[in-house]
Amino acid sequence: MTESQAVPASEIENDRPTAPALLKGWRKKCPCCGKGALLHSYLKINDNCDSCGLQLSHARADDGPAYLTILIVGHLLAPLLHFAYVTWRPEPLVMFSIVTLGCVSLSLFLLPRMKGIVVGYQWARRMHGFDKDS
């Protein structure tokens, strides 16, 4: 294909819609087919999708999922912490225990889902080796 026959950038961006890829990532499924598992052993990305064969080893999530998780947990728990303190004035040890349990639980729940979202976004935007048709 010559440069004059190249596909416009707008068509390339639109052929992989971002929202469905993010939703599939949230469910920890392959961003392409939505059936195969994206992760194994909590946070490790599978090399290939067991359903459609998409090569997932290109994905580079790095610190993005941890950053997003901390951002979300902080924005959810800070107002709750303030509300609980102003409303009920619990003992410091009780407050510490409840907030710690909430923070750890929410972080463990969100971290693999944020990783799936980051990988889904990379696939939809053709980043890090996902530029080939699959």
N, C-alpha and C. Protein backbone atom coordinates (compact mmCIF):
# COMPACT_ATOMS: atom_id res chain seq x y z
N MET A 1 0.85 -1.17 0.00
CA MET A 1 0.00 0.00 0.00
C MET A 1 0.90 1.24 0.00
N THR A 2 0.66 2.15 -0.91
CA THR A 2 1.45 3.37 -0.98
C THR A 2 0.88 4.42 -0.03
N GLU A 3 1.62 5.52 0.11
CA GLU A 3 1.16 6.57 1.01
C GLU A 3 -0.17 7.17 0.58
N SER A 4 -0.41 7.23 -0.73
CA SER A 4 -1.68 7.80 -1.21
C SER A 4 -2.86 6.87 -0.92
N GLN A 5 -2.58 5.57 -0.72
CA GLN A 5 -3.64 4.61 -0.43
C GLN A 5 -3.74 4.30 1.07
N ALA A 6 -2.97 4.96 1.87
CA ALA A 6 -2.96 4.67 3.31
C ALA A 6 -4.32 4.96 3.93
N VAL A 7 -4.64 4.20 4.96
CA VAL A 7 -5.90 4.37 5.66
C VAL A 7 -5.80 5.63 6.53
N PRO A 8 -6.81 6.49 6.48
CA PRO A 8 -6.77 7.70 7.31
C PRO A 8 -6.71 7.35 8.80
N ALA A 9 -6.04 8.22 9.55
CA ALA A 9 -5.87 7.99 10.99
C ALA A 9 -7.20 7.89 11.71
N SER A 10 -8.21 8.65 11.26
CA SER A 10 -9.51 8.61 11.94
C SER A 10 -10.16 7.24 11.82
N GLU A 11 -9.98 6.55 10.69
CA GLU A 11 -10.53 5.21 10.53
C GLU A 11 -9.80 4.21 11.42
N ILE A 12 -8.50 4.36 11.55
CA ILE A 12 -7.73 3.45 12.40
C ILE A 12 -8.17 3.60 13.85
N GLU A 13 -8.39 4.82 14.31
CA GLU A 13 -8.81 5.04 15.69
C GLU A 13 -10.20 4.51 15.94
N ASN A 14 -11.09 4.59 14.97
CA ASN A 14 -12.48 4.19 15.17
C ASN A 14 -12.73 2.71 15.00
N ASP A 15 -11.79 1.96 14.43
CA ASP A 15 -12.07 0.54 14.21
C ASP A 15 -11.94 -0.28 15.48
N ARG A 16 -11.37 0.27 16.52
CA ARG A 16 -11.31 -0.39 17.82
C ARG A 16 -11.88 0.58 18.85
N PRO A 17 -13.17 0.48 19.11
CA PRO A 17 -13.79 1.41 20.05
C PRO A 17 -13.21 1.26 21.46
N THR A 18 -12.99 2.37 22.10
CA THR A 18 -12.32 2.38 23.40
C THR A 18 -13.23 1.89 24.53
N ALA A 19 -14.46 2.35 24.57
CA ALA A 19 -15.35 2.03 25.70
C ALA A 19 -15.55 0.51 25.88
N PRO A 20 -15.85 -0.25 24.82
CA PRO A 20 -15.99 -1.70 25.02
C PRO A 20 -14.68 -2.36 25.47
N ALA A 21 -13.55 -1.87 24.98
CA ALA A 21 -12.25 -2.42 25.40
C ALA A 21 -12.01 -2.16 26.88
N LEU A 22 -12.39 -0.97 27.36
CA LEU A 22 -12.24 -0.67 28.78
C LEU A 22 -13.16 -1.54 29.64
N LEU A 23 -14.38 -1.76 29.17
CA LEU A 23 -15.31 -2.61 29.90
C LEU A 23 -14.81 -4.06 29.97
N LYS A 24 -14.28 -4.55 28.87
CA LYS A 24 -13.71 -5.91 28.86
C LYS A 24 -12.51 -5.98 29.80
N GLY A 25 -11.70 -4.93 29.82
CA GLY A 25 -10.57 -4.88 30.73
C GLY A 25 -11.02 -4.89 32.18
N TRP A 26 -12.09 -4.15 32.49
CA TRP A 26 -12.64 -4.13 33.86
C TRP A 26 -13.05 -5.55 34.28
N ARG A 27 -13.58 -6.32 33.33
CA ARG A 27 -13.98 -7.69 33.63
C ARG A 27 -12.81 -8.67 33.60
N LYS A 28 -11.59 -8.14 33.33
CA LYS A 28 -10.36 -8.93 33.26
C LYS A 28 -10.42 -9.96 32.12
N LYS A 29 -11.00 -9.54 30.99
CA LYS A 29 -11.11 -10.38 29.81
C LYS A 29 -10.29 -9.78 28.67
N CYS A 30 -10.05 -10.56 27.66
CA CYS A 30 -9.30 -10.12 26.48
C CYS A 30 -9.99 -8.91 25.86
N PRO A 31 -9.24 -7.84 25.56
CA PRO A 31 -9.87 -6.64 25.00
C PRO A 31 -10.39 -6.85 23.58
N CYS A 32 -9.91 -7.86 22.89
CA CYS A 32 -10.33 -8.12 21.52
C CYS A 32 -11.64 -8.90 21.47
N CYS A 33 -11.66 -10.08 22.12
CA CYS A 33 -12.84 -10.94 22.02
C CYS A 33 -13.75 -10.87 23.25
N GLY A 34 -13.21 -10.50 24.40
CA GLY A 34 -14.00 -10.43 25.62
C GLY A 34 -14.30 -11.78 26.25
N LYS A 35 -13.66 -12.85 25.77
CA LYS A 35 -13.94 -14.19 26.29
C LYS A 35 -12.77 -14.76 27.07
N GLY A 36 -11.58 -14.65 26.55
CA GLY A 36 -10.41 -15.23 27.19
C GLY A 36 -9.95 -14.43 28.39
N ALA A 37 -9.30 -15.10 29.32
CA ALA A 37 -8.79 -14.43 30.53
C ALA A 37 -7.60 -13.54 30.17
N LEU A 38 -7.57 -12.36 30.74
CA LEU A 38 -6.48 -11.42 30.52
C LEU A 38 -5.34 -11.67 31.51
N LEU A 39 -5.70 -11.98 32.74
CA LEU A 39 -4.72 -12.13 33.81
C LEU A 39 -4.72 -13.54 34.38
N HIS A 40 -3.57 -13.91 34.93
CA HIS A 40 -3.47 -15.13 35.73
C HIS A 40 -2.65 -14.81 36.96
N SER A 41 -2.82 -15.55 38.01
CA SER A 41 -2.14 -15.34 39.30
C SER A 41 -2.19 -13.88 39.73
N TYR A 42 -3.36 -13.35 39.79
CA TYR A 42 -3.74 -12.02 40.28
C TYR A 42 -3.36 -10.88 39.34
N LEU A 43 -2.07 -10.66 39.03
CA LEU A 43 -1.70 -9.50 38.22
C LEU A 43 -0.84 -9.81 37.00
N LYS A 44 -0.55 -11.06 36.73
CA LYS A 44 0.30 -11.37 35.58
C LYS A 44 -0.55 -11.48 34.31
N ILE A 45 -0.08 -10.82 33.26
CA ILE A 45 -0.80 -10.83 31.99
C ILE A 45 -0.46 -12.10 31.24
N ASN A 46 -1.48 -12.77 30.71
CA ASN A 46 -1.27 -13.96 29.90
C ASN A 46 -0.50 -13.59 28.64
N ASP A 47 0.28 -14.53 28.12
CA ASP A 47 1.03 -14.28 26.89
C ASP A 47 0.11 -14.15 25.69
N ASN A 48 -0.92 -14.99 25.63
CA ASN A 48 -1.88 -15.00 24.53
C ASN A 48 -3.28 -15.23 25.09
N CYS A 49 -4.27 -14.73 24.36
CA CYS A 49 -5.66 -15.01 24.72
C CYS A 49 -5.95 -16.46 24.38
N ASP A 50 -6.53 -17.20 25.30
CA ASP A 50 -6.83 -18.61 25.04
C ASP A 50 -8.06 -18.78 24.16
N SER A 51 -8.78 -17.71 23.87
CA SER A 51 -9.96 -17.80 23.02
C SER A 51 -9.68 -17.36 21.58
N CYS A 52 -9.12 -16.15 21.41
CA CYS A 52 -8.91 -15.62 20.06
C CYS A 52 -7.44 -15.63 19.62
N GLY A 53 -6.52 -15.90 20.54
CA GLY A 53 -5.11 -15.97 20.20
C GLY A 53 -4.38 -14.64 20.15
N LEU A 54 -5.02 -13.56 20.57
CA LEU A 54 -4.37 -12.25 20.58
C LEU A 54 -3.12 -12.30 21.46
N GLN A 55 -2.02 -11.81 20.93
CA GLN A 55 -0.79 -11.79 21.71
C GLN A 55 -0.85 -10.62 22.68
N LEU A 56 -0.83 -10.94 23.97
CA LEU A 56 -0.97 -9.94 25.03
C LEU A 56 0.36 -9.58 25.68
N SER A 57 1.42 -10.24 25.28
CA SER A 57 2.70 -10.02 25.94
C SER A 57 3.28 -8.63 25.68
N HIS A 58 2.71 -7.89 24.71
CA HIS A 58 3.18 -6.52 24.43
C HIS A 58 2.79 -5.55 25.53
N ALA A 59 1.72 -5.84 26.23
CA ALA A 59 1.12 -4.87 27.15
C ALA A 59 2.12 -4.40 28.19
N ARG A 60 2.14 -3.10 28.40
CA ARG A 60 3.03 -2.49 29.38
C ARG A 60 2.19 -1.63 30.31
N ALA A 61 1.71 -2.22 31.38
CA ALA A 61 0.88 -1.46 32.32
C ALA A 61 1.73 -0.69 33.31
N ASP A 62 2.89 -1.22 33.71
CA ASP A 62 3.83 -0.58 34.63
C ASP A 62 3.12 -0.06 35.88
N ASP A 63 3.27 1.22 36.19
CA ASP A 63 2.72 1.79 37.43
C ASP A 63 1.35 2.42 37.24
N GLY A 64 0.82 2.42 36.05
CA GLY A 64 -0.47 3.04 35.79
C GLY A 64 -1.60 2.50 36.64
N PRO A 65 -1.78 1.17 36.71
CA PRO A 65 -2.87 0.63 37.52
C PRO A 65 -2.74 0.96 39.01
N ALA A 66 -1.54 0.94 39.53
CA ALA A 66 -1.35 1.28 40.94
C ALA A 66 -1.70 2.75 41.19
N TYR A 67 -1.30 3.62 40.29
CA TYR A 67 -1.62 5.04 40.42
C TYR A 67 -3.13 5.26 40.38
N LEU A 68 -3.80 4.65 39.42
CA LEU A 68 -5.25 4.80 39.31
C LEU A 68 -5.96 4.24 40.54
N THR A 69 -5.47 3.11 41.05
CA THR A 69 -6.07 2.51 42.24
C THR A 69 -5.94 3.44 43.44
N ILE A 70 -4.75 3.98 43.66
CA ILE A 70 -4.54 4.90 44.78
C ILE A 70 -5.41 6.14 44.61
N LEU A 71 -5.52 6.65 43.40
CA LEU A 71 -6.33 7.83 43.13
C LEU A 71 -7.79 7.57 43.49
N ILE A 72 -8.33 6.45 43.05
CA ILE A 72 -9.74 6.13 43.29
C ILE A 72 -9.99 5.85 44.77
N VAL A 73 -9.14 5.03 45.38
CA VAL A 73 -9.33 4.69 46.80
C VAL A 73 -9.25 5.96 47.65
N GLY A 74 -8.29 6.81 47.38
CA GLY A 74 -8.17 8.04 48.14
C GLY A 74 -9.38 8.94 48.01
N HIS A 75 -9.90 9.06 46.78
CA HIS A 75 -11.06 9.93 46.57
C HIS A 75 -12.34 9.33 47.13
N LEU A 76 -12.41 8.03 47.28
CA LEU A 76 -13.59 7.41 47.89
C LEU A 76 -13.52 7.43 49.42
N LEU A 77 -12.36 7.11 49.96
CA LEU A 77 -12.27 6.96 51.42
C LEU A 77 -12.08 8.28 52.16
N ALA A 78 -11.46 9.27 51.57
CA ALA A 78 -11.24 10.54 52.28
C ALA A 78 -12.56 11.21 52.69
N PRO A 79 -13.55 11.34 51.80
CA PRO A 79 -14.82 11.93 52.25
C PRO A 79 -15.54 11.06 53.29
N LEU A 80 -15.44 9.74 53.13
CA LEU A 80 -16.07 8.85 54.12
C LEU A 80 -15.40 8.98 55.48
N LEU A 81 -14.09 9.11 55.47
CA LEU A 81 -13.34 9.29 56.72
C LEU A 81 -13.77 10.59 57.40
N HIS A 82 -13.86 11.64 56.64
CA HIS A 82 -14.30 12.93 57.19
C HIS A 82 -15.72 12.84 57.72
N PHE A 83 -16.62 12.27 56.96
CA PHE A 83 -18.02 12.15 57.36
C PHE A 83 -18.15 11.34 58.65
N ALA A 84 -17.46 10.21 58.71
CA ALA A 84 -17.54 9.36 59.91
C ALA A 84 -16.98 10.08 61.13
N TYR A 85 -15.90 10.80 60.96
CA TYR A 85 -15.29 11.49 62.09
C TYR A 85 -16.20 12.61 62.60
N VAL A 86 -16.76 13.38 61.68
CA VAL A 86 -17.60 14.50 62.08
C VAL A 86 -18.92 14.01 62.67
N THR A 87 -19.48 12.95 62.13
CA THR A 87 -20.79 12.48 62.56
C THR A 87 -20.74 11.69 63.87
N TRP A 88 -19.81 10.72 63.97
CA TRP A 88 -19.83 9.80 65.11
C TRP A 88 -18.66 9.96 66.08
N ARG A 89 -17.60 10.60 65.71
CA ARG A 89 -16.40 10.75 66.55
C ARG A 89 -15.95 9.42 67.16
N PRO A 90 -15.64 8.42 66.31
CA PRO A 90 -15.23 7.13 66.86
C PRO A 90 -13.84 7.20 67.51
N GLU A 91 -13.55 6.20 68.30
CA GLU A 91 -12.23 6.09 68.91
C GLU A 91 -11.18 5.98 67.80
N PRO A 92 -9.98 6.51 68.00
CA PRO A 92 -8.95 6.46 66.96
C PRO A 92 -8.61 5.04 66.50
N LEU A 93 -8.54 4.08 67.41
CA LEU A 93 -8.21 2.71 67.02
C LEU A 93 -9.32 2.09 66.16
N VAL A 94 -10.56 2.39 66.49
CA VAL A 94 -11.70 1.90 65.70
C VAL A 94 -11.66 2.52 64.31
N MET A 95 -11.44 3.81 64.26
CA MET A 95 -11.37 4.52 62.98
C MET A 95 -10.22 3.97 62.13
N PHE A 96 -9.07 3.80 62.74
CA PHE A 96 -7.91 3.27 62.03
C PHE A 96 -8.20 1.87 61.48
N SER A 97 -8.81 1.02 62.28
CA SER A 97 -9.10 -0.35 61.85
C SER A 97 -10.07 -0.38 60.67
N ILE A 98 -11.11 0.40 60.76
CA ILE A 98 -12.12 0.40 59.69
C ILE A 98 -11.54 0.98 58.39
N VAL A 99 -10.82 2.08 58.50
CA VAL A 99 -10.26 2.71 57.30
C VAL A 99 -9.19 1.81 56.68
N THR A 100 -8.38 1.17 57.51
CA THR A 100 -7.35 0.26 56.98
C THR A 100 -7.99 -0.92 56.25
N LEU A 101 -8.99 -1.52 56.85
CA LEU A 101 -9.68 -2.64 56.22
C LEU A 101 -10.33 -2.21 54.90
N GLY A 102 -10.96 -1.05 54.90
CA GLY A 102 -11.58 -0.54 53.67
C GLY A 102 -10.57 -0.24 52.59
N CYS A 103 -9.46 0.37 52.98
CA CYS A 103 -8.42 0.72 52.03
C CYS A 103 -7.79 -0.51 51.39
N VAL A 104 -7.43 -1.48 52.21
CA VAL A 104 -6.80 -2.70 51.69
C VAL A 104 -7.78 -3.48 50.82
N SER A 105 -9.01 -3.63 51.28
CA SER A 105 -10.01 -4.39 50.51
C SER A 105 -10.30 -3.75 49.17
N LEU A 106 -10.52 -2.46 49.18
CA LEU A 106 -10.82 -1.75 47.94
C LEU A 106 -9.63 -1.78 46.98
N SER A 107 -8.43 -1.65 47.51
CA SER A 107 -7.23 -1.69 46.68
C SER A 107 -7.06 -3.06 46.03
N LEU A 108 -7.24 -4.12 46.80
CA LEU A 108 -7.12 -5.47 46.25
C LEU A 108 -8.19 -5.76 45.20
N PHE A 109 -9.36 -5.19 45.37
CA PHE A 109 -10.44 -5.36 44.39
C PHE A 109 -10.14 -4.60 43.11
N LEU A 110 -9.68 -3.35 43.24
CA LEU A 110 -9.52 -2.49 42.07
C LEU A 110 -8.25 -2.73 41.26
N LEU A 111 -7.16 -3.15 41.89
CA LEU A 111 -5.88 -3.22 41.19
C LEU A 111 -5.91 -4.10 39.93
N PRO A 112 -6.40 -5.35 39.97
CA PRO A 112 -6.43 -6.12 38.71
C PRO A 112 -7.39 -5.53 37.68
N ARG A 113 -8.45 -4.91 38.13
CA ARG A 113 -9.39 -4.30 37.19
C ARG A 113 -8.78 -3.08 36.51
N MET A 114 -8.02 -2.30 37.25
CA MET A 114 -7.33 -1.15 36.66
C MET A 114 -6.26 -1.62 35.66
N LYS A 115 -5.61 -2.73 35.97
CA LYS A 115 -4.63 -3.27 35.03
C LYS A 115 -5.33 -3.70 33.74
N GLY A 116 -6.49 -4.33 33.87
CA GLY A 116 -7.27 -4.71 32.69
C GLY A 116 -7.70 -3.50 31.87
N ILE A 117 -8.08 -2.43 32.55
CA ILE A 117 -8.48 -1.21 31.86
C ILE A 117 -7.30 -0.61 31.10
N VAL A 118 -6.13 -0.59 31.71
CA VAL A 118 -4.95 -0.03 31.04
C VAL A 118 -4.59 -0.86 29.81
N VAL A 119 -4.63 -2.18 29.92
CA VAL A 119 -4.33 -3.05 28.77
C VAL A 119 -5.40 -2.88 27.69
N GLY A 120 -6.67 -2.79 28.08
CA GLY A 120 -7.74 -2.56 27.11
C GLY A 120 -7.57 -1.24 26.37
N TYR A 121 -7.16 -0.21 27.08
CA TYR A 121 -6.91 1.09 26.45
C TYR A 121 -5.75 1.01 25.46
N GLN A 122 -4.70 0.31 25.86
CA GLN A 122 -3.54 0.14 24.96
C GLN A 122 -3.95 -0.60 23.70
N TRP A 123 -4.77 -1.63 23.84
CA TRP A 123 -5.21 -2.39 22.66
C TRP A 123 -6.07 -1.50 21.76
N ALA A 124 -7.02 -0.76 22.35
CA ALA A 124 -7.93 0.07 21.56
C ALA A 124 -7.18 1.19 20.83
N ARG A 125 -6.13 1.70 21.42
CA ARG A 125 -5.37 2.80 20.83
C ARG A 125 -4.13 2.33 20.07
N ARG A 126 -4.01 1.03 19.91
CA ARG A 126 -2.91 0.43 19.14
C ARG A 126 -1.53 0.82 19.68
N MET A 127 -1.38 0.73 20.97
CA MET A 127 -0.12 1.09 21.62
C MET A 127 0.68 -0.17 21.94
N HIS A 128 2.00 -0.05 22.06
CA HIS A 128 2.90 -1.08 22.55
C HIS A 128 2.76 -2.42 21.83
N GLY A 129 2.79 -2.43 20.54
CA GLY A 129 2.75 -3.67 19.78
C GLY A 129 1.36 -4.15 19.43
N PHE A 130 0.33 -3.46 19.88
CA PHE A 130 -1.03 -3.82 19.51
C PHE A 130 -1.45 -3.16 18.20
N ASP A 131 -0.49 -2.59 17.45
CA ASP A 131 -0.82 -1.89 16.22
C ASP A 131 -1.15 -2.82 15.07
N LYS A 132 -0.80 -4.08 15.19
CA LYS A 132 -1.12 -5.04 14.12
C LYS A 132 -2.60 -5.43 14.24
N ASP A 133 -3.22 -5.76 13.09
CA ASP A 133 -4.61 -6.21 13.13
C ASP A 133 -4.69 -7.56 13.80
N SER A 134 -5.67 -7.68 14.70
CA SER A 134 -5.92 -8.96 15.37
C SER A 134 -7.37 -9.11 15.68
